Amino acid sequence: MHIFLTIVFIIVSIALTVLVLMQEGKSAGLSGTINGMAETYWGKNKGRSMEGKLVKYTKILAALFFVLAILVEIF
């Protein structure tokens, strides 16, 4: 059980690292600063964009990372 959890933990860690590196920085793009991000089309539909999906998957993998970290320590 410990070996299986460790392998899954390593895979999740690598996937989380890749997802974080794929995301744009918060200061990327001047359209959010100049036009006001909430008023633009991309601001309203950001959850449906590729960036929104990356953020969603990052949150899921981060939660899974913490759960697996605790489980690896217990087992």
C-alpha atoms as a PDB file:
ATOM      1  CA  MET A   1       0.000   0.000   0.000  1.00  0.00           C
ATOM      2  CA  HIS A   2       2.838   2.376   0.859  1.00  0.00           C
ATOM      3  CA  ILE A   3       4.581   1.789  -2.471  1.00  0.00           C
ATOM      4  CA  PHE A   4       1.370   2.362  -4.431  1.00  0.00           C
ATOM      5  CA  LEU A   5       0.610   5.601  -2.569  1.00  0.00           C
ATOM      6  CA  THR A   6       4.174   6.806  -3.047  1.00  0.00           C
ATOM      7  CA  ILE A   7       4.026   6.198  -6.805  1.00  0.00           C
ATOM      8  CA  VAL A   8       0.682   8.003  -7.108  1.00  0.00           C
ATOM      9  CA  PHE A   9       2.073  10.827  -4.948  1.00  0.00           C
ATOM     10  CA  ILE A  10       5.066  11.245  -7.274  1.00  0.00           C
ATOM     11  CA  ILE A  11       2.837  11.273 -10.373  1.00  0.00           C
ATOM     12  CA  VAL A  12       0.525  13.877  -8.814  1.00  0.00           C
ATOM     13  CA  SER A  13       3.545  15.972  -7.779  1.00  0.00           C
ATOM     14  CA  ILE A  14       4.925  16.004 -11.321  1.00  0.00           C
ATOM     15  CA  ALA A  15       1.510  16.780 -12.826  1.00  0.00           C
ATOM     16  CA  LEU A  16       0.974  19.618 -10.341  1.00  0.00           C
ATOM     17  CA  THR A  17       4.367  21.100 -11.173  1.00  0.00           C
ATOM     18  CA  VAL A  18       3.636  20.976 -14.901  1.00  0.00           C
ATOM     19  CA  LEU A  19       0.210  22.590 -14.467  1.00  0.00           C
ATOM     20  CA  VAL A  20       1.597  25.416 -12.352  1.00  0.00           C
ATOM     21  CA  LEU A  21       4.327  26.101 -14.901  1.00  0.00           C
ATOM     22  CA  MET A  22       1.791  26.157 -17.754  1.00  0.00           C
ATOM     23  CA  GLN A  23      -0.257  28.942 -16.157  1.00  0.00           C
ATOM     24  CA  GLU A  24       0.236  32.594 -16.945  1.00  0.00           C
ATOM     25  CA  GLY A  25       1.293  34.987 -14.233  1.00  0.00           C
ATOM     26  CA  LYS A  26      -1.273  37.276 -12.620  1.00  0.00           C
ATOM     27  CA  SER A  27       0.412  40.308 -14.159  1.00  0.00           C
ATOM     28  CA  ALA A  28       0.495  38.808 -17.664  1.00  0.00           C
ATOM     29  CA  GLY A  29      -1.354  40.855 -20.230  1.00  0.00           C
ATOM     30  CA  LEU A  30      -2.120  44.538 -20.069  1.00  0.00           C
ATOM     31  CA  SER A  31      -5.781  44.158 -21.037  1.00  0.00           C
ATOM     32  CA  GLY A  32      -6.727  43.300 -17.466  1.00  0.00           C
ATOM     33  CA  THR A  33      -4.971  46.351 -16.109  1.00  0.00           C
ATOM     34  CA  ILE A  34      -6.073  48.851 -18.717  1.00  0.00           C
ATOM     35  CA  ASN A  35      -9.633  47.760 -19.518  1.00  0.00           C
ATOM     36  CA  GLY A  36     -10.636  46.172 -16.258  1.00  0.00           C
ATOM     37  CA  MET A  37     -10.666  42.398 -16.444  1.00  0.00           C
ATOM     38  CA  ALA A  38     -14.258  42.002 -15.240  1.00  0.00           C
ATOM     39  CA  GLU A  39     -15.596  44.068 -18.153  1.00  0.00           C
ATOM     40  CA  THR A  40     -13.914  42.169 -20.957  1.00  0.00           C
ATOM     41  CA  TYR A  41     -15.220  39.088 -22.701  1.00  0.00           C
ATOM     42  CA  TRP A  42     -12.315  36.992 -21.418  1.00  0.00           C
ATOM     43  CA  GLY A  43     -12.895  38.200 -17.873  1.00  0.00           C
ATOM     44  CA  LYS A  44     -16.502  37.040 -17.907  1.00  0.00           C
ATOM     45  CA  ASN A  45     -15.730  33.689 -19.528  1.00  0.00           C
ATOM     46  CA  LYS A  46     -12.368  32.970 -17.957  1.00  0.00           C
ATOM     47  CA  GLY A  47     -13.653  29.774 -16.320  1.00  0.00           C
ATOM     48  CA  ARG A  48     -14.397  28.332 -19.735  1.00  0.00           C
ATOM     49  CA  SER A  49     -11.031  29.214 -21.231  1.00  0.00           C
ATOM     50  CA  MET A  50      -7.913  27.079 -21.184  1.00  0.00           C
ATOM     51  CA  GLU A  51      -6.514  29.205 -18.348  1.00  0.00           C
ATOM     52  CA  GLY A  52      -9.664  28.638 -16.298  1.00  0.00           C
ATOM     53  CA  LYS A  53      -9.395  24.894 -16.805  1.00  0.00           C
ATOM     54  CA  LEU A  54      -5.748  24.941 -15.750  1.00  0.00           C
ATOM     55  CA  VAL A  55      -6.670  26.775 -12.550  1.00  0.00           C
ATOM     56  CA  LYS A  56      -9.463  24.294 -11.816  1.00  0.00           C
ATOM     57  CA  TYR A  57      -7.232  21.262 -12.395  1.00  0.00           C
ATOM     58  CA  THR A  58      -4.473  22.823 -10.314  1.00  0.00           C
ATOM     59  CA  LYS A  59      -6.844  23.199  -7.365  1.00  0.00           C
ATOM     60  CA  ILE A  60      -7.976  19.592  -7.708  1.00  0.00           C
ATOM     61  CA  LEU A  61      -4.413  18.288  -7.924  1.00  0.00           C
ATOM     62  CA  ALA A  62      -3.323  20.449  -4.983  1.00  0.00           C
ATOM     63  CA  ALA A  63      -6.077  18.977  -2.810  1.00  0.00           C
ATOM     64  CA  LEU A  64      -5.145  15.474  -3.957  1.00  0.00           C
ATOM     65  CA  PHE A  65      -1.487  16.258  -3.246  1.00  0.00           C
ATOM     66  CA  PHE A  66      -2.239  17.166   0.378  1.00  0.00           C
ATOM     67  CA  VAL A  67      -4.487  14.140   0.913  1.00  0.00           C
ATOM     68  CA  LEU A  68      -1.852  11.827  -0.526  1.00  0.00           C
ATOM     69  CA  ALA A  69       0.876  13.461   1.554  1.00  0.00           C
ATOM     70  CA  ILE A  70      -1.105  12.692   4.699  1.00  0.00           C
ATOM     71  CA  LEU A  71      -1.909   9.145   3.555  1.00  0.00           C
ATOM     72  CA  VAL A  72       1.720   8.387   2.680  1.00  0.00           C
ATOM     73  CA  GLU A  73       2.742   9.549   6.134  1.00  0.00           C
ATOM     74  CA  ILE A  74       0.089   7.432   7.868  1.00  0.00           C
ATOM     75  CA  PHE A  75       0.766   4.252   5.911  1.00  0.00           C
END
